[in-house]
């Protein structure tokens, strides 16, 4: 089975997000005062082959925690969609 995986990696809410703060300040500076709490993260798409949805989820969890995110500073979530040819 082949799956499309959409992964979002974001800084933990307890930590400062300097990029988010800079974008928030810029938006306010150009007139978008209604914007608040900007957080900047990463969005990653990948395909993975696995014998089942459960195995794919386990593998993606490993990939996210070992390679795509820093568990000390970031959290992640993902969506798995089966690809049908």
N, C-alpha and C. Protein backbone atom coordinates (compact mmCIF):
# COMPACT_ATOMS: atom_id res chain seq x y z
N UNK A 1 0.84 -1.18 0.00
CA UNK A 1 0.00 0.00 0.00
C UNK A 1 0.88 1.24 0.00
N UNK A 2 0.43 2.25 -0.70
CA UNK A 2 1.16 3.52 -0.75
C UNK A 2 0.30 4.59 -0.08
N UNK A 3 0.98 5.44 0.70
CA UNK A 3 0.29 6.50 1.42
C UNK A 3 0.96 7.84 1.14
N UNK A 4 0.15 8.88 1.02
CA UNK A 4 0.63 10.25 0.98
C UNK A 4 0.56 10.77 2.42
N UNK A 5 1.65 11.37 2.87
CA UNK A 5 1.71 11.88 4.24
C UNK A 5 1.94 13.38 4.20
N UNK A 6 1.10 14.11 4.92
CA UNK A 6 1.25 15.56 5.07
C UNK A 6 1.61 15.82 6.53
N UNK A 7 2.80 16.37 6.74
CA UNK A 7 3.35 16.56 8.09
C UNK A 7 3.48 18.05 8.38
N UNK A 8 3.06 18.44 9.57
CA UNK A 8 3.26 19.81 10.05
C UNK A 8 4.14 19.75 11.28
N UNK A 9 5.24 20.51 11.25
CA UNK A 9 6.16 20.61 12.38
C UNK A 9 6.10 22.05 12.86
N UNK A 10 5.82 22.23 14.14
CA UNK A 10 5.67 23.58 14.70
C UNK A 10 6.48 23.71 15.98
N UNK A 11 6.95 24.94 16.28
CA UNK A 11 7.63 25.16 17.57
C UNK A 11 6.64 24.89 18.71
N UNK A 12 7.14 24.36 19.81
CA UNK A 12 6.28 24.15 20.97
C UNK A 12 5.71 25.49 21.44
N UNK A 13 4.48 25.47 21.89
CA UNK A 13 3.81 26.72 22.29
C UNK A 13 4.51 27.41 23.45
N UNK A 14 5.20 26.64 24.29
CA UNK A 14 5.88 27.21 25.46
C UNK A 14 7.15 27.97 25.07
N UNK A 15 7.63 27.80 23.83
CA UNK A 15 8.87 28.42 23.40
C UNK A 15 8.61 29.65 22.53
N UNK A 16 9.55 30.57 22.56
CA UNK A 16 9.49 31.73 21.69
C UNK A 16 9.63 31.30 20.24
N UNK A 17 8.96 32.01 19.36
CA UNK A 17 9.08 31.79 17.92
C UNK A 17 9.52 33.11 17.29
N UNK A 18 10.85 33.34 17.19
CA UNK A 18 11.33 34.62 16.67
C UNK A 18 10.83 34.94 15.27
N UNK A 19 10.75 33.94 14.39
CA UNK A 19 10.24 34.18 13.03
C UNK A 19 8.79 34.62 13.09
N UNK A 20 8.00 33.94 13.90
CA UNK A 20 6.60 34.30 14.04
C UNK A 20 6.42 35.71 14.57
N UNK A 21 7.24 36.07 15.57
CA UNK A 21 7.16 37.42 16.14
C UNK A 21 7.52 38.47 15.09
N UNK A 22 8.54 38.19 14.28
CA UNK A 22 8.95 39.15 13.23
C UNK A 22 7.85 39.32 12.20
N UNK A 23 7.24 38.23 11.77
CA UNK A 23 6.15 38.31 10.79
C UNK A 23 4.96 39.04 11.40
N UNK A 24 4.64 38.74 12.65
CA UNK A 24 3.53 39.40 13.34
C UNK A 24 3.76 40.91 13.38
N UNK A 25 4.99 41.33 13.74
CA UNK A 25 5.31 42.76 13.81
C UNK A 25 5.22 43.41 12.43
N UNK A 26 5.71 42.72 11.40
CA UNK A 26 5.63 43.25 10.04
C UNK A 26 4.19 43.43 9.60
N UNK A 27 3.36 42.44 9.87
CA UNK A 27 1.94 42.53 9.50
C UNK A 27 1.27 43.71 10.20
N UNK A 28 1.57 43.89 11.49
CA UNK A 28 1.02 45.04 12.21
C UNK A 28 1.52 46.34 11.60
N UNK A 29 2.81 46.36 11.22
CA UNK A 29 3.41 47.56 10.65
C UNK A 29 2.81 47.98 9.33
N UNK A 30 2.26 47.03 8.58
CA UNK A 30 1.66 47.37 7.28
C UNK A 30 0.13 47.41 7.35
N UNK A 31 -0.38 47.42 8.59
CA UNK A 31 -1.80 47.68 8.75
C UNK A 31 -2.69 46.51 9.11
N UNK A 32 -2.15 45.33 9.26
CA UNK A 32 -2.97 44.17 9.62
C UNK A 32 -2.98 43.97 11.14
N UNK A 33 -3.60 44.91 11.83
CA UNK A 33 -3.62 44.91 13.29
C UNK A 33 -4.46 43.76 13.87
N UNK A 34 -5.34 43.20 13.06
CA UNK A 34 -6.22 42.14 13.54
C UNK A 34 -5.50 40.78 13.64
N UNK A 35 -4.28 40.68 13.13
CA UNK A 35 -3.51 39.43 13.16
C UNK A 35 -2.80 39.31 14.51
N UNK A 36 -2.79 38.09 15.07
CA UNK A 36 -2.11 37.86 16.35
C UNK A 36 -1.55 36.43 16.39
N UNK A 37 -0.57 36.24 17.24
CA UNK A 37 -0.02 34.91 17.54
C UNK A 37 0.47 34.15 16.31
N UNK A 38 1.25 34.80 15.47
CA UNK A 38 1.80 34.14 14.28
C UNK A 38 2.86 33.15 14.73
N UNK A 39 2.78 31.91 14.22
CA UNK A 39 3.77 30.87 14.48
C UNK A 39 4.24 30.35 13.12
N UNK A 40 5.53 30.18 12.96
CA UNK A 40 6.11 29.71 11.71
C UNK A 40 6.63 28.29 11.91
N UNK A 41 6.26 27.39 11.01
CA UNK A 41 6.71 26.01 11.10
C UNK A 41 7.08 25.48 9.73
N UNK A 42 7.06 24.16 9.61
CA UNK A 42 7.40 23.49 8.35
C UNK A 42 6.23 22.59 7.93
N UNK A 43 6.00 22.51 6.64
CA UNK A 43 5.02 21.58 6.09
C UNK A 43 5.78 20.66 5.14
N UNK A 44 5.66 19.37 5.33
CA UNK A 44 6.41 18.38 4.55
C UNK A 44 5.43 17.36 3.98
N UNK A 45 5.54 17.08 2.68
CA UNK A 45 4.77 16.01 2.04
C UNK A 45 5.73 14.90 1.66
N UNK A 46 5.31 13.67 1.86
CA UNK A 46 6.10 12.53 1.40
C UNK A 46 5.18 11.36 1.11
N UNK A 47 5.68 10.39 0.36
CA UNK A 47 4.96 9.15 0.11
C UNK A 47 5.71 8.03 0.79
N UNK A 48 4.97 7.07 1.31
CA UNK A 48 5.58 5.93 1.98
C UNK A 48 4.83 4.66 1.60
N UNK A 49 5.57 3.59 1.39
CA UNK A 49 4.97 2.28 1.13
C UNK A 49 5.00 1.49 2.42
N UNK A 50 3.90 0.83 2.73
CA UNK A 50 3.82 0.02 3.95
C UNK A 50 2.73 -1.03 3.75
N UNK A 51 2.83 -2.17 4.46
CA UNK A 51 1.83 -3.21 4.30
C UNK A 51 0.46 -2.85 4.88
N UNK A 52 0.42 -1.87 5.79
CA UNK A 52 -0.85 -1.46 6.40
C UNK A 52 -0.77 -0.01 6.85
N UNK A 53 -1.94 0.56 7.14
CA UNK A 53 -2.01 1.94 7.66
C UNK A 53 -1.28 2.05 8.99
N UNK A 54 -1.43 1.04 9.85
CA UNK A 54 -0.80 1.07 11.17
C UNK A 54 0.72 1.09 11.06
N UNK A 55 1.28 0.26 10.17
CA UNK A 55 2.73 0.24 9.97
C UNK A 55 3.20 1.57 9.40
N UNK A 56 2.45 2.13 8.46
CA UNK A 56 2.81 3.43 7.89
C UNK A 56 2.83 4.50 8.98
N UNK A 57 1.84 4.49 9.87
CA UNK A 57 1.79 5.48 10.95
C UNK A 57 2.99 5.33 11.89
N UNK A 58 3.37 4.09 12.20
CA UNK A 58 4.54 3.85 13.05
C UNK A 58 5.80 4.39 12.39
N UNK A 59 5.98 4.12 11.10
CA UNK A 59 7.17 4.57 10.38
C UNK A 59 7.22 6.10 10.31
N UNK A 60 6.09 6.72 10.01
CA UNK A 60 6.06 8.19 9.92
C UNK A 60 6.35 8.81 11.29
N UNK A 61 5.83 8.22 12.35
CA UNK A 61 6.11 8.71 13.69
C UNK A 61 7.61 8.64 13.97
N UNK A 62 8.25 7.54 13.61
CA UNK A 62 9.71 7.41 13.77
C UNK A 62 10.45 8.48 12.97
N UNK A 63 10.05 8.65 11.71
CA UNK A 63 10.70 9.63 10.84
C UNK A 63 10.57 11.03 11.41
N UNK A 64 9.38 11.36 11.88
CA UNK A 64 9.16 12.70 12.44
C UNK A 64 9.99 12.93 13.69
N UNK A 65 10.01 11.96 14.58
CA UNK A 65 10.71 12.16 15.85
C UNK A 65 12.22 12.06 15.71
N UNK A 66 12.72 11.30 14.73
CA UNK A 66 14.17 11.13 14.58
C UNK A 66 14.81 12.09 13.59
N UNK A 67 14.06 12.53 12.57
CA UNK A 67 14.67 13.30 11.48
C UNK A 67 14.02 14.67 11.28
N UNK A 68 12.71 14.73 11.21
CA UNK A 68 12.04 15.95 10.75
C UNK A 68 11.77 16.98 11.84
N UNK A 69 11.81 16.56 13.10
CA UNK A 69 11.55 17.51 14.17
C UNK A 69 12.57 17.34 15.29
N UNK A 70 12.74 18.40 16.04
CA UNK A 70 13.57 18.37 17.25
C UNK A 70 12.60 18.30 18.42
N UNK A 71 12.45 17.13 19.06
CA UNK A 71 11.44 16.97 20.10
C UNK A 71 11.60 17.92 21.29
N UNK A 72 12.78 18.48 21.48
CA UNK A 72 12.99 19.43 22.57
C UNK A 72 12.32 20.76 22.27
N UNK A 73 12.24 21.11 20.98
CA UNK A 73 11.74 22.43 20.59
C UNK A 73 10.49 22.41 19.73
N UNK A 74 10.17 21.25 19.13
CA UNK A 74 9.08 21.20 18.15
C UNK A 74 8.14 20.03 18.41
N UNK A 75 6.91 20.23 17.99
CA UNK A 75 5.93 19.16 17.96
C UNK A 75 5.51 18.93 16.52
N UNK A 76 4.82 17.84 16.27
CA UNK A 76 4.40 17.54 14.91
C UNK A 76 3.05 16.83 14.92
N UNK A 77 2.37 16.92 13.79
CA UNK A 77 1.20 16.09 13.54
C UNK A 77 1.23 15.74 12.06
N UNK A 78 0.49 14.70 11.70
CA UNK A 78 0.47 14.32 10.29
C UNK A 78 -0.86 13.70 9.91
N UNK A 79 -1.10 13.73 8.60
CA UNK A 79 -2.31 13.15 8.01
C UNK A 79 -1.85 12.14 6.97
N UNK A 80 -2.42 10.95 7.04
CA UNK A 80 -2.06 9.86 6.16
C UNK A 80 -3.24 9.59 5.23
N UNK A 81 -3.00 9.58 3.92
CA UNK A 81 -4.05 9.29 2.93
C UNK A 81 -3.56 8.19 2.01
N UNK A 82 -4.36 7.14 1.88
CA UNK A 82 -3.97 6.06 0.98
C UNK A 82 -4.05 6.53 -0.47
N UNK A 83 -3.01 6.20 -1.24
CA UNK A 83 -2.94 6.57 -2.65
C UNK A 83 -3.45 5.37 -3.46
N UNK A 84 -4.45 5.63 -4.26
CA UNK A 84 -4.98 4.56 -5.12
C UNK A 84 -4.62 4.92 -6.56
N UNK A 85 -4.06 3.96 -7.25
CA UNK A 85 -3.64 4.19 -8.65
C UNK A 85 -4.78 4.05 -9.62
